Amino acid sequence: MRIRLKYLFLILLWMSVPVAGFGALIIEITEGVEGALPVAVVPFDTSELSSEIPVDVGEIITNDLNRSGVFKAMDRNALVARPNYSAQVQYSRWRDAGIELLIVGRIFQKAPGEYDIQFQLLDVLKQNQLLGYSLPVKKRKLRSAAHEISDLIYEQITGTRGAFNTRIAYIKSQSEEARKYILQVADTDGFNAQTVLESDEPLMSPSWSPDGQSLAYVSFENKRPEIFIQHLASAKRSKISGFKGINGAPSWSPDGKNLALVLTKDGSADIYIMNIASKRLRRLTRHRSIDTEPVWSARGESIIFTSDRSGAPQLYEIAVKGGKPKRITFEGKYNSAASVSPDGKYIAMVHAERGQYKIAQYERETGNLTVITDSSLDESPSFSPNGKMVLYASTEGNNGVLYAVSIDGRAKHRLSDQSGDIREPVWGPYKRRRKR
């Protein structure tokens, strides 16, 4: 079995991973989409401000829209004009430049450290406003507000809620005088990285709570794998599972009340469900094979997991109430590491073909399996909360890097750390929407 079924080989895997120093996550658009909507984002007017602000709101929006695969933003240096609100727009100039959508905006000072961002989304061809908002925001939330604007634009055009103003978690490793493992959380564009935990021993398998307030993860800080839950705002954490043997692969239920996890305390590697409040355990699978990598169905009625009970890793599904597992995947000799789309229609997975490990998308209704990546060592797929992108890890040289790819495989961008090694990404849930 490949190391992706890692919960029986935790120490061997992590001790064999090359490590390097820290660096900033950098986004690189590697594949665009032919036919993407041409859009222009004019730099937001800040002339009314008493001092410079730390971020370029228009640039953040431009980058967000570009990496969605839905839009293609005009280069800022090629803008035909720089209006700040709709009354200043000469639509014919933008139409002649091939632009269909135009975003303009202004930023005003409300009080020290407090701003008001006004923006408009304009239809160049129809010469009217599609969207317009005034967003109050504190200085430390300016990046988040820019992502929120991108989300609003994305939803207005596609009908699907955007996922720019969400977060990702991942494991990062470095080696200076001694090896370090770091659990970090960052914005989806790689900025605002925050360290949740740093350890001399391996950290693995981060899993977001449905409300986005906590992370479950595996830590070797006590020289063996144990599962912890950590609240991000308070940094308060508690050990959830420390049984003899393996404690691995935690996965939150959609209602946030339970964790699916892998334990070997009773002999074989099996799937268990734990009630977080009471710590009560219930064994779900009983087989001499390796059952691992559990994830919940969209409605929380079943668990999808990886098992080698057929002789090679494949995906199986079992009702949360119990019963006989049902095999899901049959195409290919290796399918593992499931991630279920929020609507439950698709499963992303690691799919092996001739020794190459790629990310594939499986449509549950039709049974069609489509490979959506083109590299050879891909792992850890994780759906965006709107189900339109899949975040995953890949290997380039000696380093792990993160990619996001659209579910049709047409748009792809890389979040790379030029001096580090990043693994096991997981995309967080939506933030609570502000009242409008």
Protein backbone atom coordinates (compact mmCIF):
# COMPACT_ATOMS: atom_id res chain seq x y z
CA MET A 1 0.00 0.00 0.00
CA ARG A 2 1.18 3.50 -0.79
CA ILE A 3 2.20 5.79 2.08
CA ARG A 4 -1.00 7.78 1.62
CA LEU A 5 -2.59 5.10 3.83
CA LYS A 6 -0.32 6.56 6.40
CA TYR A 7 -1.88 5.75 9.69
CA LEU A 8 0.04 2.50 10.10
CA PHE A 9 3.27 4.12 8.98
CA LEU A 10 3.14 7.55 10.64
CA ILE A 11 6.67 7.75 11.98
CA LEU A 12 8.33 6.21 8.94
CA LEU A 13 6.54 8.57 6.60
CA TRP A 14 7.26 11.75 8.50
CA MET A 15 10.87 10.91 9.23
CA SER A 16 11.41 10.39 5.50
CA VAL A 17 9.92 13.71 4.36
CA PRO A 18 12.58 16.27 3.33
CA VAL A 19 12.28 19.60 5.10
CA ALA A 20 13.40 23.15 4.47
CA GLY A 21 13.03 26.65 5.86
CA PHE A 22 10.11 29.03 6.03
CA GLY A 23 8.84 31.29 3.29
CA ALA A 24 5.68 33.06 2.20
CA LEU A 25 3.00 31.25 0.27
CA ILE A 26 3.02 32.56 -3.28
CA ILE A 27 0.19 32.10 -5.76
CA GLU A 28 1.04 31.29 -9.35
CA ILE A 29 -1.66 30.81 -11.97
CA THR A 30 -0.50 27.73 -13.88
CA GLU A 31 -3.53 27.09 -16.08
CA GLY A 32 -6.22 29.54 -17.12
CA VAL A 33 -9.55 28.86 -18.79
CA GLU A 34 -10.28 29.67 -22.39
CA GLY A 35 -13.54 31.61 -22.59
CA ALA A 36 -13.27 33.15 -19.11
CA LEU A 37 -15.25 36.37 -18.70
CA PRO A 38 -13.12 39.45 -19.44
CA VAL A 39 -13.25 41.79 -16.45
CA ALA A 40 -11.43 44.94 -15.39
CA VAL A 41 -10.80 45.96 -11.79
CA VAL A 42 -9.88 49.63 -11.47
CA PRO A 43 -7.63 50.51 -8.49
CA PHE A 44 -9.88 51.75 -5.70
CA ASP A 45 -9.67 55.48 -5.02
CA THR A 46 -7.97 56.26 -1.71
CA SER A 47 -7.50 60.01 -2.22
CA GLU A 48 -9.81 60.86 0.68
CA LEU A 49 -7.72 58.92 3.20
CA SER A 50 -5.43 60.71 5.61
CA SER A 51 -2.76 57.99 5.29
CA GLU A 52 -1.95 54.95 3.18
CA ILE A 53 -3.67 51.66 3.91
CA PRO A 54 -1.64 48.43 4.16
CA VAL A 55 -3.36 46.53 1.33
CA ASP A 56 -4.39 47.13 -2.27
CA VAL A 57 -8.06 46.14 -2.29
CA GLY A 58 -8.37 46.23 -6.08
CA GLU A 59 -5.32 44.02 -6.55
CA ILE A 60 -6.66 41.42 -4.11
CA ILE A 61 -9.96 41.31 -6.01
CA THR A 62 -8.12 40.99 -9.33
CA ASN A 63 -6.07 38.05 -8.05
CA ASP A 64 -9.14 36.35 -6.58
CA LEU A 65 -11.11 36.58 -9.80
CA ASN A 66 -8.17 35.37 -11.89
CA ARG A 67 -7.62 32.23 -9.83
CA SER A 68 -11.31 31.30 -9.94
CA GLY A 69 -11.03 30.23 -13.57
CA VAL A 70 -14.34 32.00 -14.27
CA PHE A 71 -12.86 35.45 -14.92
CA LYS A 72 -9.85 36.84 -16.75
CA ALA A 73 -8.88 40.25 -15.39
CA MET A 74 -7.25 42.90 -17.55
CA ASP A 75 -3.71 43.79 -16.59
CA ARG A 76 -3.71 46.96 -14.50
CA ASN A 77 -1.19 48.60 -16.83
CA ALA A 78 -3.55 48.08 -19.77
CA LEU A 79 -6.60 49.78 -18.22
CA VAL A 80 -8.17 52.23 -20.68
CA ALA A 81 -9.30 54.58 -17.89
CA ARG A 82 -9.43 54.80 -14.10
CA PRO A 83 -12.94 55.77 -13.00
CA ASN A 84 -13.91 55.43 -9.36
CA TYR A 85 -17.71 55.24 -9.65
CA SER A 86 -20.27 54.57 -12.33
CA ALA A 87 -20.97 58.19 -13.30
CA GLN A 88 -17.35 58.50 -14.47
CA VAL A 89 -17.47 55.43 -16.73
CA GLN A 90 -17.35 55.75 -20.52
CA TYR A 91 -18.76 52.35 -21.39
CA SER A 92 -17.84 52.49 -25.07
CA ARG A 93 -14.12 52.60 -24.25
CA TRP A 94 -14.34 49.44 -22.15
CA ARG A 95 -16.51 47.70 -24.73
CA ASP A 96 -13.97 48.47 -27.45
CA ALA A 97 -11.29 46.99 -25.20
CA GLY A 98 -13.24 43.72 -24.99
CA ILE A 99 -14.27 44.10 -21.35
CA GLU A 100 -17.68 42.79 -20.26
CA LEU A 101 -17.58 43.49 -16.53
CA LEU A 102 -16.07 46.48 -14.71
CA ILE A 103 -15.41 46.89 -10.97
CA VAL A 104 -14.87 50.37 -9.57
CA GLY A 105 -14.63 51.54 -5.98
CA ARG A 106 -13.62 54.10 -3.37
CA ILE A 107 -12.37 53.86 0.20
CA PHE A 108 -13.29 56.47 2.82
CA GLN A 109 -12.07 57.04 6.37
CA LYS A 110 -14.81 56.73 8.98
CA ALA A 111 -12.65 56.97 12.10
CA PRO A 112 -9.08 56.10 13.04
CA GLY A 113 -8.57 52.52 11.93
CA GLU A 114 -12.06 52.28 10.43
CA TYR A 115 -13.00 52.54 6.76
CA ASP A 116 -15.91 52.36 4.38
CA ILE A 117 -15.36 50.52 1.09
CA GLN A 118 -17.81 51.39 -1.68
CA PHE A 119 -17.76 49.33 -4.85
CA GLN A 120 -19.86 48.74 -7.96
CA LEU A 121 -19.98 45.85 -10.40
CA LEU A 122 -20.97 47.21 -13.82
CA ASP A 123 -22.22 45.45 -16.94
CA VAL A 124 -20.30 47.09 -19.78
CA LEU A 125 -22.52 45.77 -22.57
CA LYS A 126 -25.83 46.76 -20.92
CA GLN A 127 -24.32 49.87 -19.33
CA ASN A 128 -25.88 49.30 -15.93
CA GLN A 129 -25.01 48.35 -12.38
CA LEU A 130 -25.26 44.69 -11.40
CA LEU A 131 -24.11 45.08 -7.80
CA GLY A 132 -23.18 47.83 -5.39
CA TYR A 133 -22.28 47.79 -1.72
CA SER A 134 -20.85 49.95 1.02
CA LEU A 135 -18.88 47.83 3.48
CA PRO A 136 -17.72 49.17 6.86
CA VAL A 137 -14.42 47.54 7.84
CA LYS A 138 -11.67 47.82 10.41
CA LYS A 139 -8.06 48.20 9.30
CA ARG A 140 -7.07 44.65 10.30
CA LYS A 141 -9.97 43.25 8.24
CA LEU A 142 -9.20 45.00 4.94
CA ARG A 143 -7.93 41.84 3.21
CA SER A 144 -10.95 39.90 4.39
CA ALA A 145 -13.24 42.66 3.08
CA ALA A 146 -11.54 42.51 -0.33
CA HIS A 147 -12.12 38.73 -0.44
CA GLU A 148 -15.72 39.35 0.60
CA ILE A 149 -16.18 41.68 -2.37
CA SER A 150 -14.76 38.99 -4.65
CA ASP A 151 -17.26 36.53 -3.19
CA LEU A 152 -20.14 38.90 -3.88
CA ILE A 153 -19.02 39.43 -7.48
CA TYR A 154 -18.55 35.70 -8.03
CA GLU A 155 -22.01 34.92 -6.68
CA GLN A 156 -23.69 37.67 -8.69
CA ILE A 157 -22.27 36.32 -11.95
CA THR A 158 -22.32 32.56 -11.33
CA GLY A 159 -25.19 32.12 -8.90
CA THR A 160 -22.85 30.19 -6.57
CA ARG A 161 -21.45 31.63 -3.36
CA GLY A 162 -17.76 32.50 -3.65
CA ALA A 163 -15.15 30.92 -1.38
CA PHE A 164 -12.37 33.52 -1.44
CA ASN A 165 -13.09 34.78 2.08
CA THR A 166 -12.38 31.42 3.70
CA ARG A 167 -9.28 29.79 5.17
CA ILE A 168 -7.05 26.80 4.65
CA ALA A 169 -5.03 24.76 7.12
CA TYR A 170 -1.89 22.76 6.36
CA ILE A 171 1.20 21.20 7.90
CA LYS A 172 4.53 22.91 7.25
CA SER A 173 7.96 21.58 8.12
CA GLN A 174 11.34 23.22 8.43
CA SER A 175 14.84 22.17 9.34
CA GLU A 176 17.35 24.56 10.82
CA GLU A 177 19.26 23.26 13.83
CA ALA A 178 16.40 20.86 14.58
CA ARG A 179 13.37 19.68 12.65
CA LYS A 180 10.14 21.57 13.33
CA TYR A 181 6.55 20.84 12.39
CA ILE A 182 4.04 23.66 12.20
CA LEU A 183 0.27 23.60 11.90
CA GLN A 184 -0.76 26.81 10.16
CA VAL A 185 -3.95 28.53 9.03
CA ALA A 186 -4.01 31.08 6.20
CA ASP A 187 -6.33 32.89 3.84
CA THR A 188 -7.05 31.06 0.60
CA ASP A 189 -4.54 33.27 -1.21
CA GLY A 190 -1.80 32.29 1.25
CA PHE A 191 -1.70 35.57 3.18
CA ASN A 192 -2.31 36.09 6.90
CA ALA A 193 -0.63 32.79 7.80
CA GLN A 194 -0.96 32.10 11.52
CA THR A 195 0.74 29.36 13.49
CA VAL A 196 -1.68 27.21 15.47
CA LEU A 197 0.94 24.89 16.91
CA GLU A 198 4.67 24.29 16.55
CA SER A 199 6.25 21.02 17.61
CA ASP A 200 9.53 19.11 17.48
CA GLU A 201 7.48 16.00 16.75
CA PRO A 202 5.27 15.32 13.71
CA LEU A 203 1.84 16.92 13.33
CA MET A 204 -0.69 15.44 10.93
CA SER A 205 -4.23 15.34 9.58
CA PRO A 206 -5.79 18.74 10.36
CA SER A 207 -9.58 18.76 10.18
CA TRP A 208 -11.82 21.82 10.42
CA SER A 209 -14.84 21.97 12.68
CA PRO A 210 -18.00 22.89 10.73
CA ASP A 211 -18.12 26.34 12.35
CA GLY A 212 -14.49 27.07 11.45
CA GLN A 213 -13.61 27.81 15.07
CA SER A 214 -11.52 24.73 15.85
CA LEU A 215 -9.13 22.21 14.34
CA ALA A 216 -8.68 18.56 15.18
CA TYR A 217 -5.25 17.09 14.40
CA VAL A 218 -2.81 14.32 15.21
CA SER A 219 0.27 15.11 17.29
CA PHE A 220 3.31 12.98 18.19
CA GLU A 221 4.43 15.35 20.96
CA ASN A 222 4.10 12.54 23.52
CA LYS A 223 6.12 10.20 21.26
CA ARG A 224 3.02 8.46 19.90
CA PRO A 225 0.04 9.55 17.78
CA GLU A 226 -2.74 11.26 19.75
CA ILE A 227 -5.68 13.39 18.62
CA PHE A 228 -6.21 16.93 19.90
CA ILE A 229 -8.85 19.59 19.31
CA GLN A 230 -7.72 23.21 19.44
CA HIS A 231 -9.92 26.30 19.49
CA LEU A 232 -8.28 28.84 17.20
CA ALA A 233 -9.30 32.11 18.88
CA SER A 234 -8.43 31.09 22.43
CA ALA A 235 -5.65 28.55 21.62
CA LYS A 236 -7.32 26.30 24.21
CA ARG A 237 -6.92 22.64 23.34
CA SER A 238 -7.76 19.23 24.71
CA LYS A 239 -6.64 15.67 24.04
CA ILE A 240 -9.51 13.71 22.54
CA SER A 241 -7.96 10.33 21.90
CA GLY A 242 -4.81 8.78 23.31
CA PHE A 243 -5.47 5.06 23.23
CA LYS A 244 -2.71 2.50 22.91
CA GLY A 245 -1.61 2.14 19.29
CA ILE A 246 -2.71 4.43 16.49
CA ASN A 247 -5.03 7.39 17.00
CA GLY A 248 -5.43 8.97 13.58
CA ALA A 249 -7.37 10.62 10.78
CA PRO A 250 -9.92 12.71 12.73
CA SER A 251 -12.89 13.97 10.71
CA TRP A 252 -15.69 16.22 12.02
CA SER A 253 -19.32 15.34 11.49
CA PRO A 254 -21.39 18.01 9.69
CA ASP A 255 -23.20 18.90 12.93
CA GLY A 256 -19.92 19.27 14.83
CA LYS A 257 -20.94 16.82 17.55
CA ASN A 258 -18.87 13.80 16.56
CA LEU A 259 -15.49 12.80 15.20
CA ALA A 260 -14.77 9.85 12.95
CA LEU A 261 -11.29 8.51 13.67
CA VAL A 262 -9.00 5.52 13.15
CA LEU A 263 -7.93 3.42 16.14
CA THR A 264 -5.96 0.20 16.53
CA LYS A 265 -6.69 -0.26 20.23
CA ASP A 266 -8.69 -3.43 19.52
CA GLY A 267 -6.18 -4.94 17.11
CA SER A 268 -6.83 -3.94 13.51
CA ALA A 269 -7.06 -0.42 12.10
CA ASP A 270 -10.78 0.35 12.16
CA ILE A 271 -13.13 3.32 11.95
CA TYR A 272 -14.73 4.58 15.16
CA ILE A 273 -17.12 7.42 15.95
CA MET A 274 -16.59 9.50 19.06
CA ASN A 275 -19.10 11.84 20.65
CA ILE A 276 -16.96 14.87 21.42
CA ALA A 277 -18.87 15.99 24.51
CA SER A 278 -19.06 12.62 26.26
CA LYS A 279 -15.96 10.98 24.67
CA ARG A 280 -18.14 7.93 24.11
CA LEU A 281 -16.79 5.63 21.37
CA ARG A 282 -18.63 3.42 18.92
CA ARG A 283 -16.80 1.02 16.60
CA LEU A 284 -18.05 1.22 13.03
CA THR A 285 -15.90 -1.27 11.08
CA ARG A 286 -14.54 -4.67 12.06
CA HIS A 287 -12.10 -6.16 9.60
CA ARG A 288 -8.55 -7.49 9.62
CA SER A 289 -7.69 -5.10 6.74
CA ILE A 290 -6.61 -1.47 7.08
CA ASP A 291 -9.64 0.84 7.28
CA THR A 292 -8.57 4.48 7.34
CA GLU A 293 -9.16 8.06 6.11
CA PRO A 294 -12.82 8.40 7.13
CA VAL A 295 -14.86 11.36 5.90
CA TRP A 296 -18.54 12.11 6.40
CA SER A 297 -21.16 12.28 3.70
CA ALA A 298 -22.66 15.71 3.10
CA ARG A 299 -25.67 15.00 5.33
CA GLY A 300 -23.74 13.03 7.91
CA GLU A 301 -25.64 9.80 7.26
CA SER A 302 -22.65 7.71 6.23
CA ILE A 303 -18.86 7.48 6.39
CA ILE A 304 -16.66 7.06 3.31
CA PHE A 305 -13.29 5.50 4.02
CA THR A 306 -10.28 3.84 2.41
CA SER A 307 -9.74 0.11 2.84
CA ASP A 308 -7.52 -2.56 1.33
CA ARG A 309 -10.02 -5.33 2.09
CA SER A 310 -10.35 -6.05 -1.65
CA GLY A 311 -6.58 -6.48 -1.95
CA ALA A 312 -5.77 -2.87 -2.87
CA PRO A 313 -6.89 0.54 -1.57
CA GLN A 314 -10.44 1.43 -2.63
CA LEU A 315 -13.20 3.64 -1.26
CA TYR A 316 -16.04 2.15 0.77
CA GLU A 317 -19.13 3.58 2.41
CA ILE A 318 -20.86 2.52 5.59
CA ALA A 319 -23.96 3.93 7.28
CA VAL A 320 -23.29 5.82 10.51
CA LYS A 321 -25.84 3.55 12.17
CA GLY A 322 -23.72 0.57 11.16
CA GLY A 323 -24.07 -2.28 8.70
CA LYS A 324 -22.04 -3.80 5.91
CA PRO A 325 -19.65 -1.48 4.04
CA LYS A 326 -20.35 -1.00 0.33
CA ARG A 327 -17.51 -0.56 -2.14
CA ILE A 328 -17.77 2.68 -4.14
CA THR A 329 -14.78 2.73 -6.49
CA PHE A 330 -13.96 0.07 -9.07
CA GLU A 331 -12.05 1.96 -11.77
CA GLY A 332 -8.32 1.46 -11.30
CA LYS A 333 -6.37 -0.50 -8.71
CA TYR A 334 -5.83 2.37 -6.28
CA ASN A 335 -8.33 4.95 -4.97
CA SER A 336 -7.95 6.61 -1.57
CA ALA A 337 -8.23 9.79 0.52
CA ALA A 338 -11.80 10.83 -0.23
CA SER A 339 -13.15 14.36 0.06
CA VAL A 340 -16.91 14.83 -0.37
CA SER A 341 -18.30 17.91 -2.11
CA PRO A 342 -20.66 20.04 0.01
CA ASP A 343 -23.66 19.00 -2.08
CA GLY A 344 -22.68 15.34 -1.87
CA LYS A 345 -22.65 14.88 -5.64
CA TYR A 346 -18.90 14.39 -6.06
CA ILE A 347 -16.00 12.68 -4.33
CA ALA A 348 -12.44 13.85 -4.91
CA MET A 349 -9.78 11.20 -4.35
CA VAL A 350 -6.24 10.08 -5.04
CA HIS A 351 -6.32 7.82 -8.09
CA ALA A 352 -3.27 5.85 -9.26
CA GLU A 353 -2.53 5.01 -12.87
CA ARG A 354 0.70 3.21 -13.83
CA GLY A 355 2.45 4.34 -10.67
CA GLN A 356 1.34 7.97 -10.96
CA TYR A 357 -0.87 9.41 -8.24
CA LYS A 358 -3.32 12.05 -9.43
CA ILE A 359 -6.46 13.72 -8.13
CA ALA A 360 -9.67 12.42 -9.65
CA GLN A 361 -13.29 13.49 -9.35
CA TYR A 362 -15.99 10.83 -9.02
CA GLU A 363 -19.61 11.67 -9.84
CA ARG A 364 -21.83 9.63 -7.59
CA GLU A 365 -24.95 9.65 -9.74
CA THR A 366 -23.28 8.42 -12.92
CA GLY A 367 -20.27 6.60 -11.51
CA ASN A 368 -17.98 8.53 -13.87
CA LEU A 369 -14.40 9.06 -12.67
CA THR A 370 -12.43 11.94 -14.20
CA VAL A 371 -8.76 12.66 -13.52
CA ILE A 372 -8.36 16.43 -12.98
CA THR A 373 -4.61 16.81 -12.32
CA ASP A 374 -1.60 16.04 -14.50
CA SER A 375 1.27 15.60 -12.04
CA SER A 376 2.46 12.30 -10.60
CA LEU A 377 2.60 12.62 -6.79
CA ASP A 378 -0.65 14.28 -5.76
CA GLU A 379 -2.41 13.70 -2.45
CA SER A 380 -4.76 15.08 0.23
CA PRO A 381 -7.63 16.50 -1.87
CA SER A 382 -10.04 18.86 -0.10
CA PHE A 383 -13.12 20.52 -1.59
CA SER A 384 -13.76 24.25 -1.31
CA PRO A 385 -16.97 25.04 0.63
CA ASN A 386 -18.76 25.91 -2.62
CA GLY A 387 -17.64 22.68 -4.27
CA LYS A 388 -16.05 24.42 -7.26
CA MET A 389 -12.35 23.90 -6.47
CA VAL A 390 -10.24 21.15 -4.96
CA LEU A 391 -7.18 21.96 -2.84
CA TYR A 392 -4.44 19.32 -2.82
CA ALA A 393 -0.76 18.70 -2.15
CA SER A 394 1.84 17.70 -4.71
CA THR A 395 5.59 17.13 -4.72
CA GLU A 396 8.05 19.20 -6.71
CA GLY A 397 11.67 18.31 -6.18
CA ASN A 398 12.08 17.72 -2.47
CA ASN A 399 9.23 20.01 -1.42
CA GLY A 400 5.52 19.63 -0.96
CA VAL A 401 3.50 22.42 -2.59
CA LEU A 402 -0.20 23.21 -2.60
CA TYR A 403 -2.43 23.51 -5.65
CA ALA A 404 -6.07 24.31 -6.22
CA VAL A 405 -7.83 22.99 -9.32
CA SER A 406 -11.36 23.48 -10.63
CA ILE A 407 -13.53 20.37 -10.52
CA ASP A 408 -13.41 20.16 -14.32
CA GLY A 409 -9.59 20.37 -14.23
CA ARG A 410 -9.47 23.43 -16.51
CA ALA A 411 -8.21 26.08 -14.07
CA LYS A 412 -5.30 25.55 -11.70
CA HIS A 413 -3.11 27.67 -9.47
CA ARG A 414 -0.27 26.89 -7.10
CA LEU A 415 0.32 28.12 -3.58
CA SER A 416 4.02 27.48 -3.25
CA ASP A 417 6.42 28.03 -0.41
CA GLN A 418 9.74 28.58 -2.13
CA SER A 419 11.75 27.62 0.96
CA GLY A 420 9.53 25.14 2.75
CA ASP A 421 7.67 21.88 2.62
CA ILE A 422 3.86 21.95 2.89
CA ARG A 423 1.56 18.96 3.19
CA GLU A 424 -1.96 17.86 4.08
CA PRO A 425 -4.02 20.90 3.18
CA VAL A 426 -7.66 21.15 4.14
CA TRP A 427 -10.08 23.87 3.03
CA GLY A 428 -12.09 25.46 5.82
CA PRO A 429 -15.83 26.20 5.90
CA TYR A 430 -17.58 29.44 5.09
CA LYS A 431 -17.36 32.29 7.55
CA ARG A 432 -20.60 33.65 8.90
CA ARG A 433 -22.01 36.27 6.55
CA ARG A 434 -22.28 39.80 7.83
CA LYS A 435 -25.72 41.36 7.94
CA ARG A 436 -26.46 43.78 5.11
